[in-house]
Amino acid sequence: AFIEPLRSNPLLTVRLNAPVKRILVENERATGVVFADGTGE
């Protein structure tokens, strides 16, 4: 319903089989995430 209609939209990137290992927090602010992509982190 929501992702398929946007599959060709360049603003959306979908990564499957990509478990997130942790959220990066710097100075009490979330800045990024670390995830596994099959070849490493």
All heavy atoms as atom14 arrays in JSON, in Angstrom:
{
  "sequence": "AFIEPLRSNPLLTVRLNAPVKRILVENERATGVVFADGTGE",
  "atom14_mask": [
    [1, 1, 1, 1, 1, 0, 0, 0, 0, 0, 0, 0, 0, 0],
    [1, 1, 1, 1, 1, 1, 1, 1, 1, 1, 1, 0, 0, 0],
    [1, 1, 1, 1, 1, 1, 1, 1, 0, 0, 0, 0, 0, 0],
    [1, 1, 1, 1, 1, 1, 1, 1, 1, 0, 0, 0, 0, 0],
    [1, 1, 1, 1, 1, 1, 1, 0, 0, 0, 0, 0, 0, 0],
    [1, 1, 1, 1, 1, 1, 1, 1, 0, 0, 0, 0, 0, 0],
    [1, 1, 1, 1, 1, 1, 1, 1, 1, 1, 1, 0, 0, 0],
    [1, 1, 1, 1, 1, 1, 0, 0, 0, 0, 0, 0, 0, 0],
    [1, 1, 1, 1, 1, 1, 1, 1, 0, 0, 0, 0, 0, 0],
    [1, 1, 1, 1, 1, 1, 1, 0, 0, 0, 0, 0, 0, 0],
    [1, 1, 1, 1, 1, 1, 1, 1, 0, 0, 0, 0, 0, 0],
    [1, 1, 1, 1, 1, 1, 1, 1, 0, 0, 0, 0, 0, 0],
    [1, 1, 1, 1, 1, 1, 1, 0, 0, 0, 0, 0, 0, 0],
    [1, 1, 1, 1, 1, 1, 1, 0, 0, 0, 0, 0, 0, 0],
    [1, 1, 1, 1, 1, 1, 1, 1, 1, 1, 1, 0, 0, 0],
    [1, 1, 1, 1, 1, 1, 1, 1, 0, 0, 0, 0, 0, 0],
    [1, 1, 1, 1, 1, 1, 1, 1, 0, 0, 0, 0, 0, 0],
    [1, 1, 1, 1, 1, 0, 0, 0, 0, 0, 0, 0, 0, 0],
    [1, 1, 1, 1, 1, 1, 1, 0, 0, 0, 0, 0, 0, 0],
    [1, 1, 1, 1, 1, 1, 1, 0, 0, 0, 0, 0, 0, 0],
    [1, 1, 1, 1, 1, 1, 1, 1, 1, 0, 0, 0, 0, 0],
    [1, 1, 1, 1, 1, 1, 1, 1, 1, 1, 1, 0, 0, 0],
    [1, 1, 1, 1, 1, 1, 1, 1, 0, 0, 0, 0, 0, 0],
    [1, 1, 1, 1, 1, 1, 1, 1, 0, 0, 0, 0, 0, 0],
    [1, 1, 1, 1, 1, 1, 1, 0, 0, 0, 0, 0, 0, 0],
    [1, 1, 1, 1, 1, 1, 1, 1, 1, 0, 0, 0, 0, 0],
    [1, 1, 1, 1, 1, 1, 1, 1, 0, 0, 0, 0, 0, 0],
    [1, 1, 1, 1, 1, 1, 1, 1, 1, 0, 0, 0, 0, 0],
    [1, 1, 1, 1, 1, 1, 1, 1, 1, 1, 1, 0, 0, 0],
    [1, 1, 1, 1, 1, 0, 0, 0, 0, 0, 0, 0, 0, 0],
    [1, 1, 1, 1, 1, 1, 1, 0, 0, 0, 0, 0, 0, 0],
    [1, 1, 1, 1, 0, 0, 0, 0, 0, 0, 0, 0, 0, 0],
    [1, 1, 1, 1, 1, 1, 1, 0, 0, 0, 0, 0, 0, 0],
    [1, 1, 1, 1, 1, 1, 1, 0, 0, 0, 0, 0, 0, 0],
    [1, 1, 1, 1, 1, 1, 1, 1, 1, 1, 1, 0, 0, 0],
    [1, 1, 1, 1, 1, 0, 0, 0, 0, 0, 0, 0, 0, 0],
    [1, 1, 1, 1, 1, 1, 1, 1, 0, 0, 0, 0, 0, 0],
    [1, 1, 1, 1, 0, 0, 0, 0, 0, 0, 0, 0, 0, 0],
    [1, 1, 1, 1, 1, 1, 1, 0, 0, 0, 0, 0, 0, 0],
    [1, 1, 1, 1, 0, 0, 0, 0, 0, 0, 0, 0, 0, 0],
    [1, 1, 1, 1, 1, 1, 1, 1, 1, 0, 0, 0, 0, 0]
  ],
  "atom14_positions": [
    [[0.81, -1.22, 0.0], [0.0, 0.0, 0.0], [0.84, 1.27, 0.0], [0.48, 2.26, -0.65], [-0.94, 0.0, 1.21], [0.0, 0.0, 0.0], [0.0, 0.0, 0.0], [0.0, 0.0, 0.0], [0.0, 0.0, 0.0], [0.0, 0.0, 0.0], [0.0, 0.0, 0.0], [0.0, 0.0, 0.0], [0.0, 0.0, 0.0], [0.0, 0.0, 0.0]],
    [[1.98, 1.25, 0.71], [2.7, 2.5, 0.92], [4.09, 2.55, 0.27], [4.52, 3.6, -0.18], [2.83, 2.77, 2.43], [1.5, 2.9, 3.11], [0.94, 1.83, 3.79], [0.79, 4.08, 3.05], [-0.3, 1.94, 4.42], [-0.45, 4.22, 3.66], [-1.0, 3.14, 4.35], [0.0, 0.0, 0.0], [0.0, 0.0, 0.0], [0.0, 0.0, 0.0]],
    [[4.79, 1.42, 0.22], [6.15, 1.42, -0.32], [6.16, 1.13, -1.82], [6.89, 1.77, -2.59], [7.03, 0.41, 0.44], [7.12, 0.82, 1.91], [8.41, 0.32, -0.2], [7.7, 2.2, 2.15], [0.0, 0.0, 0.0], [0.0, 0.0, 0.0], [0.0, 0.0, 0.0], [0.0, 0.0, 0.0], [0.0, 0.0, 0.0], [0.0, 0.0, 0.0]],
    [[5.35, 0.18, -2.25], [5.35, -0.21, -3.66], [5.09, 0.97, -4.61], [5.76, 1.09, -5.64], [4.31, -1.31, -3.88], [4.51, -2.13, -5.14], [5.55, -3.24, -4.97], [6.1, -3.38, -3.87], [5.81, -3.94, -5.96], [0.0, 0.0, 0.0], [0.0, 0.0, 0.0], [0.0, 0.0, 0.0], [0.0, 0.0, 0.0], [0.0, 0.0, 0.0]],
    [[4.15, 1.86, -4.31], [3.93, 2.99, -5.22], [5.13, 3.94, -5.34], [5.2, 4.72, -6.29], [2.73, 3.73, -4.6], [2.04, 2.71, -3.77], [3.13, 1.84, -3.24], [0.0, 0.0, 0.0], [0.0, 0.0, 0.0], [0.0, 0.0, 0.0], [0.0, 0.0, 0.0], [0.0, 0.0, 0.0], [0.0, 0.0, 0.0], [0.0, 0.0, 0.0]],
    [[6.06, 3.86, -4.4], [7.23, 4.76, -4.4], [8.5, 4.05, -4.85], [9.6, 4.59, -4.72], [7.44, 5.32, -2.99], [6.28, 6.13, -2.4], [6.55, 6.44, -0.93], [6.04, 7.41, -3.18], [0.0, 0.0, 0.0], [0.0, 0.0, 0.0], [0.0, 0.0, 0.0], [0.0, 0.0, 0.0], [0.0, 0.0, 0.0], [0.0, 0.0, 0.0]],
    [[8.38, 2.84, -5.4], [9.57, 2.03, -5.69], [10.51, 2.71, -6.7], [11.71, 2.43, -6.7], [9.16, 0.65, -6.21], [8.34, 0.64, -7.47], [7.85, -0.77, -7.79], [7.03, -0.83, -8.99], [5.72, -0.61, -9.02], [5.08, -0.3, -7.89], [5.04, -0.69, -10.15], [0.0, 0.0, 0.0], [0.0, 0.0, 0.0], [0.0, 0.0, 0.0]],
    [[10.01, 3.6, -7.53], [10.88, 4.3, -8.49], [11.23, 5.72, -8.04], [11.87, 6.46, -8.78], [10.22, 4.35, -9.87], [8.99, 5.03, -9.81], [0.0, 0.0, 0.0], [0.0, 0.0, 0.0], [0.0, 0.0, 0.0], [0.0, 0.0, 0.0], [0.0, 0.0, 0.0], [0.0, 0.0, 0.0], [0.0, 0.0, 0.0], [0.0, 0.0, 0.0]],
    [[10.82, 6.09, -6.85], [11.1, 7.44, -6.35], [12.54, 7.5, -5.85], [12.92, 6.75, -4.94], [10.13, 7.78, -5.21], [10.17, 9.25, -4.83], [11.24, 9.83, -4.67], [9.01, 9.86, -4.69], [0.0, 0.0, 0.0], [0.0, 0.0, 0.0], [0.0, 0.0, 0.0], [0.0, 0.0, 0.0], [0.0, 0.0, 0.0], [0.0, 0.0, 0.0]],
    [[13.37, 8.37, -6.39], [14.78, 8.41, -5.99], [15.0, 8.86, -4.55], [16.1, 8.7, -4.01], [15.4, 9.41, -6.97], [14.26, 10.28, -7.42], [13.05, 9.38, -7.43], [0.0, 0.0, 0.0], [0.0, 0.0, 0.0], [0.0, 0.0, 0.0], [0.0, 0.0, 0.0], [0.0, 0.0, 0.0], [0.0, 0.0, 0.0], [0.0, 0.0, 0.0]],
    [[13.96, 9.42, -3.92], [14.11, 9.86, -2.54], [14.04, 8.7, -1.54], [14.39, 8.87, -0.37], [13.02, 10.88, -2.19], [13.1, 12.23, -2.91], [11.91, 13.09, -2.54], [14.41, 12.93, -2.57], [0.0, 0.0, 0.0], [0.0, 0.0, 0.0], [0.0, 0.0, 0.0], [0.0, 0.0, 0.0], [0.0, 0.0, 0.0], [0.0, 0.0, 0.0]],
    [[13.56, 7.53, -1.99], [13.41, 6.38, -1.09], [14.43, 5.3, -1.43], [14.51, 4.84, -2.57], [12.0, 5.8, -1.19], [11.75, 4.54, -0.35], [11.88, 4.83, 1.14], [10.37, 3.95, -0.66], [0.0, 0.0, 0.0], [0.0, 0.0, 0.0], [0.0, 0.0, 0.0], [0.0, 0.0, 0.0], [0.0, 0.0, 0.0], [0.0, 0.0, 0.0]],
    [[15.18, 4.89, -0.42], [16.08, 3.74, -0.54], [15.63, 2.69, 0.47], [15.49, 2.99, 1.66], [17.53, 4.13, -0.24], [17.95, 5.14, -1.16], [18.45, 2.91, -0.36], [0.0, 0.0, 0.0], [0.0, 0.0, 0.0], [0.0, 0.0, 0.0], [0.0, 0.0, 0.0], [0.0, 0.0, 0.0], [0.0, 0.0, 0.0], [0.0, 0.0, 0.0]],
    [[15.36, 1.49, -0.03], [14.94, 0.38, 0.83], [16.04, -0.67, 0.82], [16.46, -1.13, -0.24], [13.62, -0.24, 0.36], [13.23, -1.41, 1.25], [12.51, 0.8, 0.34], [0.0, 0.0, 0.0], [0.0, 0.0, 0.0], [0.0, 0.0, 0.0], [0.0, 0.0, 0.0], [0.0, 0.0, 0.0], [0.0, 0.0, 0.0], [0.0, 0.0, 0.0]],
    [[16.52, -1.03, 1.99], [17.53, -2.08, 2.12], [16.92, -3.25, 2.89], [16.47, -3.08, 4.04], [18.77, -1.58, 2.84], [19.54, -0.47, 2.1], [20.15, -0.96, 0.8], [21.04, -2.08, 1.0], [22.36, -1.97, 1.21], [22.91, -0.76, 1.26], [23.11, -3.03, 1.37], [0.0, 0.0, 0.0], [0.0, 0.0, 0.0], [0.0, 0.0, 0.0]],
    [[16.87, -4.44, 2.26], [16.37, -5.64, 2.91], [17.53, -6.45, 3.46], [18.69, -6.24, 3.09], [15.57, -6.48, 1.92], [14.37, -5.79, 1.26], [13.71, -6.72, 0.25], [13.37, -5.34, 2.31], [0.0, 0.0, 0.0], [0.0, 0.0, 0.0], [0.0, 0.0, 0.0], [0.0, 0.0, 0.0], [0.0, 0.0, 0.0], [0.0, 0.0, 0.0]],
    [[17.21, -7.4, 4.35], [18.24, -8.22, 5.0], [19.34, -7.34, 5.58], [20.53, -7.62, 5.45], [18.82, -9.23, 4.02], [17.74, -10.08, 3.37], [17.53, -10.02, 2.15], [17.05, -10.86, 4.16], [0.0, 0.0, 0.0], [0.0, 0.0, 0.0], [0.0, 0.0, 0.0], [0.0, 0.0, 0.0], [0.0, 0.0, 0.0], [0.0, 0.0, 0.0]],
    [[18.89, -6.27, 6.23], [19.82, -5.25, 6.75], [19.51, -4.95, 8.21], [19.0, -3.87, 8.54], [19.73, -3.98, 5.9], [0.0, 0.0, 0.0], [0.0, 0.0, 0.0], [0.0, 0.0, 0.0], [0.0, 0.0, 0.0], [0.0, 0.0, 0.0], [0.0, 0.0, 0.0], [0.0, 0.0, 0.0], [0.0, 0.0, 0.0], [0.0, 0.0, 0.0]],
    [[19.8, -5.9, 9.1], [19.5, -5.66, 10.51], [20.36, -4.55, 11.1], [21.57, -4.49, 10.87], [19.81, -7.0, 11.17], [20.79, -7.66, 10.25], [20.42, -7.21, 8.87], [0.0, 0.0, 0.0], [0.0, 0.0, 0.0], [0.0, 0.0, 0.0], [0.0, 0.0, 0.0], [0.0, 0.0, 0.0], [0.0, 0.0, 0.0], [0.0, 0.0, 0.0]],
    [[19.74, -3.66, 11.85], [20.47, -2.58, 12.51], [21.03, -3.09, 13.82], [20.33, -3.71, 14.62], [19.54, -1.37, 12.73], [20.24, -0.3, 13.58], [19.13, -0.78, 11.38], [0.0, 0.0, 0.0], [0.0, 0.0, 0.0], [0.0, 0.0, 0.0], [0.0, 0.0, 0.0], [0.0, 0.0, 0.0], [0.0, 0.0, 0.0], [0.0, 0.0, 0.0]],
    [[22.3, -2.8, 14.04], [22.98, -3.28, 15.25], [22.94, -2.27, 16.38], [22.86, -2.63, 17.56], [24.42, -3.65, 14.92], [24.52, -4.82, 13.94], [25.94, -5.35, 13.85], [25.97, -6.66, 13.08], [27.33, -7.27, 13.11], [0.0, 0.0, 0.0], [0.0, 0.0, 0.0], [0.0, 0.0, 0.0], [0.0, 0.0, 0.0], [0.0, 0.0, 0.0]],
    [[23.01, -0.98, 16.05], [22.94, 0.04, 17.1], [22.69, 1.4, 16.47], [22.97, 1.63, 15.29], [24.21, 0.07, 17.95], [25.48, 0.42, 17.22], [26.71, 0.23, 18.11], [27.95, 0.52, 17.4], [28.58, -0.34, 16.6], [28.06, -1.56, 16.42], [29.7, 0.0, 16.0], [0.0, 0.0, 0.0], [0.0, 0.0, 0.0], [0.0, 0.0, 0.0]],
    [[22.16, 2.27, 17.29], [21.96, 3.67, 16.91], [23.12, 4.46, 17.48], [23.53, 4.26, 18.64], [20.62, 4.19, 17.49], [19.45, 3.35, 16.97], [20.42, 5.65, 17.14], [18.21, 3.46, 17.83], [0.0, 0.0, 0.0], [0.0, 0.0, 0.0], [0.0, 0.0, 0.0], [0.0, 0.0, 0.0], [0.0, 0.0, 0.0], [0.0, 0.0, 0.0]],
    [[23.66, 5.35, 16.69], [24.78, 6.17, 17.14], [24.25, 7.43, 17.81], [23.42, 8.16, 17.25], [25.67, 6.55, 15.95], [26.26, 5.35, 15.18], [27.03, 5.84, 13.96], [27.16, 4.52, 16.09], [0.0, 0.0, 0.0], [0.0, 0.0, 0.0], [0.0, 0.0, 0.0], [0.0, 0.0, 0.0], [0.0, 0.0, 0.0], [0.0, 0.0, 0.0]],
    [[24.7, 7.65, 19.03], [24.28, 8.82, 19.81], [25.51, 9.62, 20.21], [26.43, 9.08, 20.84], [23.49, 8.39, 21.07], [23.05, 9.63, 21.86], [22.28, 7.55, 20.69], [0.0, 0.0, 0.0], [0.0, 0.0, 0.0], [0.0, 0.0, 0.0], [0.0, 0.0, 0.0], [0.0, 0.0, 0.0], [0.0, 0.0, 0.0], [0.0, 0.0, 0.0]],
    [[25.53, 10.87, 19.8], [26.64, 11.77, 20.12], [26.09, 13.02, 20.79], [25.21, 13.69, 20.23], [27.4, 12.15, 18.85], [27.98, 10.96, 18.08], [28.57, 11.36, 16.74], [28.71, 12.58, 16.52], [28.88, 10.47, 15.93], [0.0, 0.0, 0.0], [0.0, 0.0, 0.0], [0.0, 0.0, 0.0], [0.0, 0.0, 0.0], [0.0, 0.0, 0.0]],
    [[26.59, 13.31, 21.98], [26.15, 14.49, 22.72], [24.63, 14.52, 22.86], [23.97, 15.54, 22.61], [26.66, 15.78, 22.04], [28.17, 15.85, 21.98], [28.85, 15.48, 22.94], [28.69, 16.29, 20.84], [0.0, 0.0, 0.0], [0.0, 0.0, 0.0], [0.0, 0.0, 0.0], [0.0, 0.0, 0.0], [0.0, 0.0, 0.0], [0.0, 0.0, 0.0]],
    [[24.08, 13.35, 23.23], [22.64, 13.2, 23.47], [21.82, 13.5, 22.22], [20.68, 13.95, 22.3], [22.19, 14.07, 24.65], [22.88, 13.69, 25.95], [22.39, 14.49, 27.13], [21.66, 15.49, 26.93], [22.74, 14.13, 28.27], [0.0, 0.0, 0.0], [0.0, 0.0, 0.0], [0.0, 0.0, 0.0], [0.0, 0.0, 0.0], [0.0, 0.0, 0.0]],
    [[22.38, 13.2, 21.07], [21.67, 13.38, 19.81], [21.91, 12.16, 18.93], [23.05, 11.73, 18.75], [22.17, 14.65, 19.1], [21.54, 14.91, 17.73], [22.1, 16.19, 17.12], [21.76, 17.34, 17.94], [20.63, 18.04, 17.82], [19.74, 17.71, 16.89], [20.41, 19.08, 18.59], [0.0, 0.0, 0.0], [0.0, 0.0, 0.0], [0.0, 0.0, 0.0]],
    [[20.84, 11.58, 18.37], [20.98, 10.45, 17.46], [21.47, 10.96, 16.11], [20.86, 11.87, 15.52], [19.64, 9.73, 17.29], [0.0, 0.0, 0.0], [0.0, 0.0, 0.0], [0.0, 0.0, 0.0], [0.0, 0.0, 0.0], [0.0, 0.0, 0.0], [0.0, 0.0, 0.0], [0.0, 0.0, 0.0], [0.0, 0.0, 0.0], [0.0, 0.0, 0.0]],
    [[22.56, 10.39, 15.63], [23.18, 10.9, 14.4], [23.2, 9.88, 13.27], [23.33, 10.26, 12.1], [24.63, 11.34, 14.68], [25.36, 10.22, 15.23], [24.66, 12.49, 15.67], [0.0, 0.0, 0.0], [0.0, 0.0, 0.0], [0.0, 0.0, 0.0], [0.0, 0.0, 0.0], [0.0, 0.0, 0.0], [0.0, 0.0, 0.0], [0.0, 0.0, 0.0]],
    [[23.12, 8.6, 13.57], [23.21, 7.59, 12.52], [22.95, 6.21, 13.09], [22.64, 6.04, 14.28], [0.0, 0.0, 0.0], [0.0, 0.0, 0.0], [0.0, 0.0, 0.0], [0.0, 0.0, 0.0], [0.0, 0.0, 0.0], [0.0, 0.0, 0.0], [0.0, 0.0, 0.0], [0.0, 0.0, 0.0], [0.0, 0.0, 0.0], [0.0, 0.0, 0.0]],
    [[23.1, 5.2, 12.23], [22.94, 3.81, 12.66], [24.01, 2.95, 12.02], [24.56, 3.29, 10.96], [21.54, 3.24, 12.31], [20.44, 4.13, 12.85], [21.38, 3.05, 10.82], [0.0, 0.0, 0.0], [0.0, 0.0, 0.0], [0.0, 0.0, 0.0], [0.0, 0.0, 0.0], [0.0, 0.0, 0.0], [0.0, 0.0, 0.0], [0.0, 0.0, 0.0]],
    [[24.28, 1.82, 12.66], [25.18, 0.81, 12.12], [24.33, -0.41, 11.78], [23.58, -0.89, 12.64], [26.28, 0.43, 13.13], [27.16, -0.69, 12.57], [27.12, 1.65, 13.49], [0.0, 0.0, 0.0], [0.0, 0.0, 0.0], [0.0, 0.0, 0.0], [0.0, 0.0, 0.0], [0.0, 0.0, 0.0], [0.0, 0.0, 0.0], [0.0, 0.0, 0.0]],
    [[24.44, -0.88, 10.53], [23.67, -2.05, 10.14], [24.55, -3.03, 9.39], [25.64, -2.69, 8.91], [22.45, -1.66, 9.3], [22.75, -1.19, 7.9], [22.69, -2.08, 6.82], [23.07, 0.14, 7.64], [22.95, -1.66, 5.53], [23.33, 0.57, 6.35], [23.27, -0.33, 5.29], [0.0, 0.0, 0.0], [0.0, 0.0, 0.0], [0.0, 0.0, 0.0]],
    [[24.1, -4.27, 9.3], [24.83, -5.32, 8.57], [24.24, -5.45, 7.18], [23.01, -5.44, 7.01], [24.72, -6.64, 9.31], [0.0, 0.0, 0.0], [0.0, 0.0, 0.0], [0.0, 0.0, 0.0], [0.0, 0.0, 0.0], [0.0, 0.0, 0.0], [0.0, 0.0, 0.0], [0.0, 0.0, 0.0], [0.0, 0.0, 0.0], [0.0, 0.0, 0.0]],
    [[25.1, -5.57, 6.18], [24.61, -5.68, 4.8], [25.03, -6.98, 4.12], [24.97, -7.1, 2.9], [25.06, -4.49, 3.97], [26.56, -4.47, 3.72], [27.28, -5.3, 4.32], [27.01, -3.62, 2.93], [0.0, 0.0, 0.0], [0.0, 0.0, 0.0], [0.0, 0.0, 0.0], [0.0, 0.0, 0.0], [0.0, 0.0, 0.0], [0.0, 0.0, 0.0]],
    [[25.43, -7.97, 4.89], [25.83, -9.24, 4.31], [27.32, -9.37, 4.1], [27.87, -10.47, 4.03], [0.0, 0.0, 0.0], [0.0, 0.0, 0.0], [0.0, 0.0, 0.0], [0.0, 0.0, 0.0], [0.0, 0.0, 0.0], [0.0, 0.0, 0.0], [0.0, 0.0, 0.0], [0.0, 0.0, 0.0], [0.0, 0.0, 0.0], [0.0, 0.0, 0.0]],
    [[28.02, -8.24, 3.97], [29.47, -8.27, 3.78], [30.21, -7.71, 4.99], [31.42, -7.77, 5.07], [29.88, -7.45, 2.54], [29.47, -6.09, 2.71], [29.21, -8.02, 1.29], [0.0, 0.0, 0.0], [0.0, 0.0, 0.0], [0.0, 0.0, 0.0], [0.0, 0.0, 0.0], [0.0, 0.0, 0.0], [0.0, 0.0, 0.0], [0.0, 0.0, 0.0]],
    [[29.46, -7.16, 5.91], [30.07, -6.54, 7.08], [29.16, -5.47, 7.64], [27.94, -5.5, 7.44], [0.0, 0.0, 0.0], [0.0, 0.0, 0.0], [0.0, 0.0, 0.0], [0.0, 0.0, 0.0], [0.0, 0.0, 0.0], [0.0, 0.0, 0.0], [0.0, 0.0, 0.0], [0.0, 0.0, 0.0], [0.0, 0.0, 0.0], [0.0, 0.0, 0.0]],
    [[29.73, -4.53, 8.35], [28.96, -3.44, 8.93], [29.06, -2.19, 8.08], [30.11, -1.91, 7.5], [29.44, -3.13, 10.35], [29.15, -4.22, 11.36], [29.5, -3.8, 12.77], [30.04, -2.67, 12.94], [29.22, -4.57, 13.7], [0.0, 0.0, 0.0], [0.0, 0.0, 0.0], [0.0, 0.0, 0.0], [0.0, 0.0, 0.0], [0.0, 0.0, 0.0]]
  ]
}
